[in-house]
Amino acid sequence: MAAKDVLSNDPESGAPVFHLDSNLHSPERRLIELRMEHADLNALIDRTSQQQPVDELMMRRLKKRRLALRDQIARLELALDPKEPA
């Protein structure tokens, strides 16, 4: 169980009840979402580049978005795990 997970008993039946107390807006969750979006973009760029004719404008936009995601991921990783002690 994670630190935020709670196991308690139901007040009426006494049966164990598992409660998941997860923060949907945590930086860790955001990092996971950004990494997933980056991976999805990689796959889309790979598929699109194999189509003929290649839509150059769309490819540039996809690659620009992928680069922006990579920058966001790097900033968030640095914020979550700074190299120098604070």
PDB file of N, CA and C in Angstrom:
ATOM      1  N   MET A   1       0.826  -1.190   0.000  1.00  0.00           N
ATOM      2  CA  MET A   1       0.000   0.000   0.000  1.00  0.00           C
ATOM      3  C   MET A   1       0.869   1.252   0.000  1.00  0.00           C
ATOM      4  N   ALA A   2       0.467   2.258  -0.731  1.00  0.00           N
ATOM      5  CA  ALA A   2       1.180   3.526  -0.753  1.00  0.00           C
ATOM      6  C   ALA A   2       0.902   4.289   0.527  1.00  0.00           C
ATOM      7  N   ALA A   3       1.705   5.312   0.770  1.00  0.00           N
ATOM      8  CA  ALA A   3       1.588   6.064   2.009  1.00  0.00           C
ATOM      9  C   ALA A   3       0.234   6.744   2.156  1.00  0.00           C
ATOM     10  N   LYS A   4      -0.401   7.081   1.055  1.00  0.00           N
ATOM     11  CA  LYS A   4      -1.675   7.787   1.121  1.00  0.00           C
ATOM     12  C   LYS A   4      -2.875   6.849   1.096  1.00  0.00           C
ATOM     13  N   ASP A   5      -2.651   5.575   0.935  1.00  0.00           N
ATOM     14  CA  ASP A   5      -3.737   4.612   0.885  1.00  0.00           C
ATOM     15  C   ASP A   5      -4.157   4.270   2.316  1.00  0.00           C
ATOM     16  N   VAL A   6      -5.459   4.033   2.501  1.00  0.00           N
ATOM     17  CA  VAL A   6      -5.980   3.769   3.838  1.00  0.00           C
ATOM     18  C   VAL A   6      -6.860   2.526   3.795  1.00  0.00           C
ATOM     19  N   LEU A   7      -6.690   1.673   4.781  1.00  0.00           N
ATOM     20  CA  LEU A   7      -7.541   0.498   4.937  1.00  0.00           C
ATOM     21  C   LEU A   7      -8.306   0.683   6.227  1.00  0.00           C
ATOM     22  N   SER A   8      -9.647   0.648   6.146  1.00  0.00           N
ATOM     23  CA  SER A   8     -10.477   0.808   7.340  1.00  0.00           C
ATOM     24  C   SER A   8     -11.626  -0.178   7.278  1.00  0.00           C
ATOM     25  N   ASN A   9     -12.434  -0.170   8.306  1.00  0.00           N
ATOM     26  CA  ASN A   9     -13.596  -1.053   8.348  1.00  0.00           C
ATOM     27  C   ASN A   9     -14.857  -0.252   8.104  1.00  0.00           C
ATOM     28  N   ASP A  10     -15.779  -0.846   7.367  1.00  0.00           N
ATOM     29  CA  ASP A  10     -17.072  -0.241   7.118  1.00  0.00           C
ATOM     30  C   ASP A  10     -17.818  -0.159   8.447  1.00  0.00           C
ATOM     31  N   PRO A  11     -18.371   1.013   8.808  1.00  0.00           N
ATOM     32  CA  PRO A  11     -19.038   1.146  10.110  1.00  0.00           C
ATOM     33  C   PRO A  11     -20.273   0.261  10.260  1.00  0.00           C
ATOM     34  N   GLU A  12     -20.978  -0.025   9.187  1.00  0.00           N
ATOM     35  CA  GLU A  12     -22.191  -0.830   9.276  1.00  0.00           C
ATOM     36  C   GLU A  12     -21.894  -2.324   9.277  1.00  0.00           C
ATOM     37  N   SER A  13     -21.080  -2.773   8.309  1.00  0.00           N
ATOM     38  CA  SER A  13     -20.858  -4.213   8.174  1.00  0.00           C
ATOM     39  C   SER A  13     -19.591  -4.688   8.865  1.00  0.00           C
ATOM     40  N   GLY A  14     -18.675  -3.782   9.119  1.00  0.00           N
ATOM     41  CA  GLY A  14     -17.403  -4.179   9.709  1.00  0.00           C
ATOM     42  C   GLY A  14     -16.423  -4.744   8.694  1.00  0.00           C
ATOM     43  N   ALA A  15     -16.823  -4.806   7.430  1.00  0.00           N
ATOM     44  CA  ALA A  15     -15.957  -5.345   6.377  1.00  0.00           C
ATOM     45  C   ALA A  15     -14.844  -4.350   6.064  1.00  0.00           C
ATOM     46  N   PRO A  16     -13.661  -4.866   5.723  1.00  0.00           N
ATOM     47  CA  PRO A  16     -12.567  -3.947   5.379  1.00  0.00           C
ATOM     48  C   PRO A  16     -12.876  -3.182   4.097  1.00  0.00           C
ATOM     49  N   VAL A  17     -12.533  -1.896   4.106  1.00  0.00           N
ATOM     50  CA  VAL A  17     -12.752  -1.017   2.961  1.00  0.00           C
ATOM     51  C   VAL A  17     -11.431  -0.343   2.645  1.00  0.00           C
ATOM     52  N   PHE A  18     -11.063  -0.380   1.375  1.00  0.00           N
ATOM     53  CA  PHE A  18      -9.809   0.217   0.930  1.00  0.00           C
ATOM     54  C   PHE A  18     -10.112   1.576   0.318  1.00  0.00           C
ATOM     55  N   HIS A  19      -9.493   2.637   0.838  1.00  0.00           N
ATOM     56  CA  HIS A  19      -9.679   3.993   0.326  1.00  0.00           C
ATOM     57  C   HIS A  19      -8.387   4.451  -0.324  1.00  0.00           C
ATOM     58  N   LEU A  20      -8.489   4.939  -1.529  1.00  0.00           N
ATOM     59  CA  LEU A  20      -7.326   5.462  -2.238  1.00  0.00           C
ATOM     60  C   LEU A  20      -7.389   6.975  -2.179  1.00  0.00           C
ATOM     61  N   ASP A  21      -6.457   7.567  -1.457  1.00  0.00           N
ATOM     62  CA  ASP A  21      -6.398   9.013  -1.315  1.00  0.00           C
ATOM     63  C   ASP A  21      -5.267   9.521  -2.185  1.00  0.00           C
ATOM     64  N   SER A  22      -5.528   9.666  -3.469  1.00  0.00           N
ATOM     65  CA  SER A  22      -4.477  10.119  -4.386  1.00  0.00           C
ATOM     66  C   SER A  22      -4.770  11.538  -4.831  1.00  0.00           C
ATOM     67  N   ASN A  23      -3.730  12.323  -4.962  1.00  0.00           N
ATOM     68  CA  ASN A  23      -3.860  13.688  -5.423  1.00  0.00           C
ATOM     69  C   ASN A  23      -3.808  13.687  -6.946  1.00  0.00           C
ATOM     70  N   LEU A  24      -4.908  14.026  -7.572  1.00  0.00           N
ATOM     71  CA  LEU A  24      -4.989  13.980  -9.031  1.00  0.00           C
ATOM     72  C   LEU A  24      -4.195  15.101  -9.701  1.00  0.00           C
ATOM     73  N   HIS A  25      -3.755  16.066  -8.922  1.00  0.00           N
ATOM     74  CA  HIS A  25      -3.030  17.197  -9.489  1.00  0.00           C
ATOM     75  C   HIS A  25      -1.604  17.277  -8.966  1.00  0.00           C
ATOM     76  N   SER A  26      -1.057  16.176  -8.512  1.00  0.00           N
ATOM     77  CA  SER A  26       0.301  16.174  -7.976  1.00  0.00           C
ATOM     78  C   SER A  26       1.314  16.327  -9.100  1.00  0.00           C
ATOM     79  N   PRO A  27       2.480  16.902  -8.796  1.00  0.00           N
ATOM     80  CA  PRO A  27       3.529  17.036  -9.822  1.00  0.00           C
ATOM     81  C   PRO A  27       3.983  15.678 -10.364  1.00  0.00           C
ATOM     82  N   GLU A  28       3.995  14.662  -9.528  1.00  0.00           N
ATOM     83  CA  GLU A  28       4.399  13.327  -9.979  1.00  0.00           C
ATOM     84  C   GLU A  28       3.425  12.791 -11.021  1.00  0.00           C
ATOM     85  N   ARG A  29       2.133  12.989 -10.773  1.00  0.00           N
ATOM     86  CA  ARG A  29       1.123  12.533 -11.737  1.00  0.00           C
ATOM     87  C   ARG A  29       1.230  13.323 -13.038  1.00  0.00           C
ATOM     88  N   ARG A  30       1.466  14.618 -12.932  1.00  0.00           N
ATOM     89  CA  ARG A  30       1.618  15.455 -14.123  1.00  0.00           C
ATOM     90  C   ARG A  30       2.815  14.994 -14.952  1.00  0.00           C
ATOM     91  N   LEU A  31       3.900  14.613 -14.273  1.00  0.00           N
ATOM     92  CA  LEU A  31       5.082  14.119 -14.968  1.00  0.00           C
ATOM     93  C   LEU A  31       4.760  12.843 -15.744  1.00  0.00           C
ATOM     94  N   ILE A  32       4.021  11.952 -15.132  1.00  0.00           N
ATOM     95  CA  ILE A  32       3.621  10.715 -15.809  1.00  0.00           C
ATOM     96  C   ILE A  32       2.770  11.030 -17.039  1.00  0.00           C
ATOM     97  N   GLU A  33       1.826  11.963 -16.885  1.00  0.00           N
ATOM     98  CA  GLU A  33       0.959  12.329 -18.010  1.00  0.00           C
ATOM     99  C   GLU A  33       1.770  12.942 -19.156  1.00  0.00           C
ATOM    100  N   LEU A  34       2.740  13.796 -18.816  1.00  0.00           N
ATOM    101  CA  LEU A  34       3.573  14.402 -19.859  1.00  0.00           C
ATOM    102  C   LEU A  34       4.403  13.350 -20.579  1.00  0.00           C
ATOM    103  N   ARG A  35       4.954  12.403 -19.827  1.00  0.00           N
ATOM    104  CA  ARG A  35       5.743  11.332 -20.449  1.00  0.00           C
ATOM    105  C   ARG A  35       4.884  10.474 -21.374  1.00  0.00           C
ATOM    106  N   MET A  36       3.648  10.214 -20.960  1.00  0.00           N
ATOM    107  CA  MET A  36       2.747   9.426 -21.808  1.00  0.00           C
ATOM    108  C   MET A  36       2.409  10.188 -23.090  1.00  0.00           C
ATOM    109  N   GLU A  37       2.141  11.480 -22.950  1.00  0.00           N
ATOM    110  CA  GLU A  37       1.832  12.288 -24.133  1.00  0.00           C
ATOM    111  C   GLU A  37       3.034  12.347 -25.072  1.00  0.00           C
ATOM    112  N   HIS A  38       4.239  12.446 -24.512  1.00  0.00           N
ATOM    113  CA  HIS A  38       5.463  12.472 -25.320  1.00  0.00           C
ATOM    114  C   HIS A  38       5.617  11.157 -26.082  1.00  0.00           C
ATOM    115  N   ALA A  39       5.378  10.038 -25.403  1.00  0.00           N
ATOM    116  CA  ALA A  39       5.475   8.733 -26.067  1.00  0.00           C
ATOM    117  C   ALA A  39       4.430   8.597 -27.171  1.00  0.00           C
ATOM    118  N   ASP A  40       3.222   9.087 -26.918  1.00  0.00           N
ATOM    119  CA  ASP A  40       2.172   9.051 -27.941  1.00  0.00           C
ATOM    120  C   ASP A  40       2.570   9.878 -29.159  1.00  0.00           C
ATOM    121  N   LEU A  41       3.159  11.048 -28.910  1.00  0.00           N
ATOM    122  CA  LEU A  41       3.605  11.885 -30.020  1.00  0.00           C
ATOM    123  C   LEU A  41       4.714  11.210 -30.815  1.00  0.00           C
ATOM    124  N   ASN A  42       5.637  10.548 -30.129  1.00  0.00           N
ATOM    125  CA  ASN A  42       6.695   9.807 -30.819  1.00  0.00           C
ATOM    126  C   ASN A  42       6.094   8.773 -31.764  1.00  0.00           C
ATOM    127  N   ALA A  43       5.121   8.027 -31.276  1.00  0.00           N
ATOM    128  CA  ALA A  43       4.482   6.999 -32.103  1.00  0.00           C
ATOM    129  C   ALA A  43       3.752   7.636 -33.284  1.00  0.00           C
ATOM    130  N   LEU A  44       3.065   8.745 -33.043  1.00  0.00           N
ATOM    131  CA  LEU A  44       2.342   9.422 -34.119  1.00  0.00           C
ATOM    132  C   LEU A  44       3.305   9.960 -35.172  1.00  0.00           C
ATOM    133  N   ILE A  45       4.412  10.520 -34.733  1.00  0.00           N
ATOM    134  CA  ILE A  45       5.411  11.036 -35.674  1.00  0.00           C
ATOM    135  C   ILE A  45       5.987   9.891 -36.506  1.00  0.00           C
ATOM    136  N   ASP A  46       6.263   8.771 -35.878  1.00  0.00           N
ATOM    137  CA  ASP A  46       6.781   7.610 -36.619  1.00  0.00           C
ATOM    138  C   ASP A  46       5.785   7.137 -37.675  1.00  0.00           C
ATOM    139  N   ARG A  47       4.513   7.018 -37.290  1.00  0.00           N
ATOM    140  CA  ARG A  47       3.497   6.563 -38.247  1.00  0.00           C
ATOM    141  C   ARG A  47       3.315   7.568 -39.381  1.00  0.00           C
ATOM    142  N   THR A  48       3.277   8.846 -39.025  1.00  0.00           N
ATOM    143  CA  THR A  48       3.041   9.887 -40.024  1.00  0.00           C
ATOM    144  C   THR A  48       4.194   9.994 -41.011  1.00  0.00           C
ATOM    145  N   SER A  49       5.407   9.793 -40.529  1.00  0.00           N
ATOM    146  CA  SER A  49       6.569   9.928 -41.414  1.00  0.00           C
ATOM    147  C   SER A  49       6.627   8.811 -42.456  1.00  0.00           C
ATOM    148  N   GLN A  50       5.904   7.723 -42.222  1.00  0.00           N
ATOM    149  CA  GLN A  50       5.912   6.611 -43.170  1.00  0.00           C
ATOM    150  C   GLN A  50       4.804   6.718 -44.211  1.00  0.00           C
ATOM    151  N   GLN A  51       3.924   7.697 -44.048  1.00  0.00           N
ATOM    152  CA  GLN A  51       2.850   7.892 -45.015  1.00  0.00           C
ATOM    153  C   GLN A  51       3.377   8.687 -46.202  1.00  0.00           C
ATOM    154  N   GLN A  52       2.810   8.420 -47.347  1.00  0.00           N
ATOM    155  CA  GLN A  52       3.188   9.158 -48.543  1.00  0.00           C
ATOM    156  C   GLN A  52       1.957   9.823 -49.109  1.00  0.00           C
ATOM    157  N   PRO A  53       1.970  11.057 -49.436  1.00  0.00           N
ATOM    158  CA  PRO A  53       3.049  12.012 -49.216  1.00  0.00           C
ATOM    159  C   PRO A  53       3.069  12.481 -47.760  1.00  0.00           C
ATOM    160  N   VAL A  54       4.231  12.899 -47.314  1.00  0.00           N
ATOM    161  CA  VAL A  54       4.392  13.365 -45.936  1.00  0.00           C
ATOM    162  C   VAL A  54       3.887  14.804 -45.839  1.00  0.00           C
ATOM    163  N   ASP A  55       3.049  15.060 -44.858  1.00  0.00           N
ATOM    164  CA  ASP A  55       2.545  16.410 -44.612  1.00  0.00           C
ATOM    165  C   ASP A  55       3.593  17.142 -43.764  1.00  0.00           C
ATOM    166  N   GLU A  56       4.430  17.929 -44.443  1.00  0.00           N
ATOM    167  CA  GLU A  56       5.566  18.583 -43.775  1.00  0.00           C
ATOM    168  C   GLU A  56       5.121  19.560 -42.693  1.00  0.00           C
ATOM    169  N   LEU A  57       4.054  20.289 -42.942  1.00  0.00           N
ATOM    170  CA  LEU A  57       3.565  21.250 -41.952  1.00  0.00           C
ATOM    171  C   LEU A  57       3.115  20.534 -40.684  1.00  0.00           C
ATOM    172  N   MET A  58       2.372  19.461 -40.848  1.00  0.00           N
ATOM    173  CA  MET A  58       1.926  18.708 -39.684  1.00  0.00           C
ATOM    174  C   MET A  58       3.110  18.095 -38.938  1.00  0.00           C
ATOM    175  N   MET A  59       4.092  17.595 -39.672  1.00  0.00           N
ATOM    176  CA  MET A  59       5.274  17.020 -39.035  1.00  0.00           C
ATOM    177  C   MET A  59       6.024  18.078 -38.212  1.00  0.00           C
ATOM    178  N   ARG A  60       6.161  19.276 -38.752  1.00  0.00           N
ATOM    179  CA  ARG A  60       6.828  20.342 -38.010  1.00  0.00           C
ATOM    180  C   ARG A  60       6.067  20.683 -36.732  1.00  0.00           C
ATOM    181  N   ARG A  61       4.744  20.733 -36.835  1.00  0.00           N
ATOM    182  CA  ARG A  61       3.925  21.037 -35.648  1.00  0.00           C
ATOM    183  C   ARG A  61       4.034  19.941 -34.593  1.00  0.00           C
ATOM    184  N   LEU A  62       3.995  18.687 -35.037  1.00  0.00           N
ATOM    185  CA  LEU A  62       4.114  17.570 -34.095  1.00  0.00           C
ATOM    186  C   LEU A  62       5.481  17.567 -33.405  1.00  0.00           C
ATOM    187  N   LYS A  63       6.529  17.813 -34.183  1.00  0.00           N
ATOM    188  CA  LYS A  63       7.875  17.825 -33.604  1.00  0.00           C
ATOM    189  C   LYS A  63       8.069  19.006 -32.654  1.00  0.00           C
ATOM    190  N   LYS A  64       7.463  20.139 -32.990  1.00  0.00           N
ATOM    191  CA  LYS A  64       7.546  21.303 -32.106  1.00  0.00           C
ATOM    192  C   LYS A  64       6.819  21.013 -30.788  1.00  0.00           C
ATOM    193  N   ARG A  65       5.662  20.373 -30.875  1.00  0.00           N
ATOM    194  CA  ARG A  65       4.922  20.008 -29.659  1.00  0.00           C
ATOM    195  C   ARG A  65       5.719  18.996 -28.832  1.00  0.00           C
ATOM    196  N   ARG A  66       6.356  18.037 -29.489  1.00  0.00           N
ATOM    197  CA  ARG A  66       7.165  17.033 -28.791  1.00  0.00           C
ATOM    198  C   ARG A  66       8.334  17.700 -28.062  1.00  0.00           C
ATOM    199  N   LEU A  67       8.967  18.662 -28.713  1.00  0.00           N
ATOM    200  CA  LEU A  67      10.073  19.380 -28.083  1.00  0.00           C
ATOM    201  C   LEU A  67       9.593  20.187 -26.872  1.00  0.00           C
ATOM    202  N   ALA A  68       8.439  20.820 -26.994  1.00  0.00           N
ATOM    203  CA  ALA A  68       7.879  21.574 -25.866  1.00  0.00           C
ATOM    204  C   ALA A  68       7.572  20.640 -24.693  1.00  0.00           C
ATOM    205  N   LEU A  69       7.049  19.457 -25.003  1.00  0.00           N
ATOM    206  CA  LEU A  69       6.780  18.472 -23.947  1.00  0.00           C
ATOM    207  C   LEU A  69       8.073  18.036 -23.273  1.00  0.00           C
ATOM    208  N   ARG A  70       9.102  17.801 -24.065  1.00  0.00           N
ATOM    209  CA  ARG A  70      10.390  17.387 -23.504  1.00  0.00           C
ATOM    210  C   ARG A  70      10.933  18.458 -22.563  1.00  0.00           C
ATOM    211  N   ASP A  71      10.763  19.736 -22.941  1.00  0.00           N
ATOM    212  CA  ASP A  71      11.197  20.832 -22.071  1.00  0.00           C
ATOM    213  C   ASP A  71      10.384  20.875 -20.778  1.00  0.00           C
ATOM    214  N   GLN A  72       9.076  20.678 -20.871  1.00  0.00           N
ATOM    215  CA  GLN A  72       8.224  20.651 -19.677  1.00  0.00           C
ATOM    216  C   GLN A  72       8.632  19.508 -18.754  1.00  0.00           C
ATOM    217  N   ILE A  73       8.892  18.353 -19.338  1.00  0.00           N
ATOM    218  CA  ILE A  73       9.302  17.180 -18.553  1.00  0.00           C
ATOM    219  C   ILE A  73      10.610  17.473 -17.833  1.00  0.00           C
ATOM    220  N   ALA A  74      11.570  18.057 -18.535  1.00  0.00           N
ATOM    221  CA  ALA A  74      12.873  18.362 -17.932  1.00  0.00           C
ATOM    222  C   ALA A  74      12.719  19.351 -16.774  1.00  0.00           C
ATOM    223  N   ARG A  75      11.894  20.392 -16.963  1.00  0.00           N
ATOM    224  CA  ARG A  75      11.688  21.370 -15.883  1.00  0.00           C
ATOM    225  C   ARG A  75      11.025  20.735 -14.676  1.00  0.00           C
ATOM    226  N   LEU A  76      10.037  19.895 -14.906  1.00  0.00           N
ATOM    227  CA  LEU A  76       9.327  19.246 -13.808  1.00  0.00           C
ATOM    228  C   LEU A  76      10.224  18.253 -13.083  1.00  0.00           C
ATOM    229  N   GLU A  77      11.031  17.504 -13.829  1.00  0.00           N
ATOM    230  CA  GLU A  77      11.978  16.579 -13.198  1.00  0.00           C
ATOM    231  C   GLU A  77      12.971  17.329 -12.322  1.00  0.00           C
ATOM    232  N   LEU A  78      13.443  18.462 -12.807  1.00  0.00           N
ATOM    233  CA  LEU A  78      14.384  19.270 -12.027  1.00  0.00           C
ATOM    234  C   LEU A  78      13.720  19.821 -10.765  1.00  0.00           C
ATOM    235  N   ALA A  79      12.466  20.227 -10.877  1.00  0.00           N
ATOM    236  CA  ALA A  79      11.747  20.752  -9.713  1.00  0.00           C
ATOM    237  C   ALA A  79      11.498  19.658  -8.676  1.00  0.00           C
ATOM    238  N   LEU A  80      11.228  18.438  -9.145  1.00  0.00           N
ATOM    239  CA  LEU A  80      10.947  17.339  -8.226  1.00  0.00           C
ATOM    240  C   LEU A  80      12.201  16.763  -7.598  1.00  0.00           C
ATOM    241  N   ASP A  81      13.318  16.809  -8.332  1.00  0.00           N
ATOM    242  CA  ASP A  81      14.556  16.222  -7.836  1.00  0.00           C
ATOM    243  C   ASP A  81      15.721  17.158  -8.174  1.00  0.00           C
ATOM    244  N   PRO A  82      15.852  18.263  -7.429  1.00  0.00           N
ATOM    245  CA  PRO A  82      16.935  19.203  -7.740  1.00  0.00           C
ATOM    246  C   PRO A  82      18.296  18.567  -7.479  1.00  0.00           C
ATOM    247  N   LYS A  83      19.276  18.939  -8.306  1.00  0.00           N
ATOM    248  CA  LYS A  83      20.617  18.375  -8.202  1.00  0.00           C
ATOM    249  C   LYS A  83      21.357  18.888  -6.965  1.00  0.00           C
ATOM    250  N   GLU A  84      21.127  20.155  -6.619  1.00  0.00           N
ATOM    251  CA  GLU A  84      21.805  20.738  -5.477  1.00  0.00           C
ATOM    252  C   GLU A  84      20.875  20.769  -4.269  1.00  0.00           C
ATOM    253  N   PRO A  85      21.404  20.490  -3.087  1.00  0.00           N
ATOM    254  CA  PRO A  85      20.534  20.544  -1.900  1.00  0.00           C
ATOM    255  C   PRO A  85      20.086  21.982  -1.630  1.00  0.00           C
ATOM    256  N   ALA A  86      18.855  22.112  -1.222  1.00  0.00           N
ATOM    257  CA  ALA A  86      18.290  23.445  -0.971  1.00  0.00           C
ATOM    258  C   ALA A  86      18.658  23.948   0.406  1.00  0.00           C
TER     259      ALA A  86
END
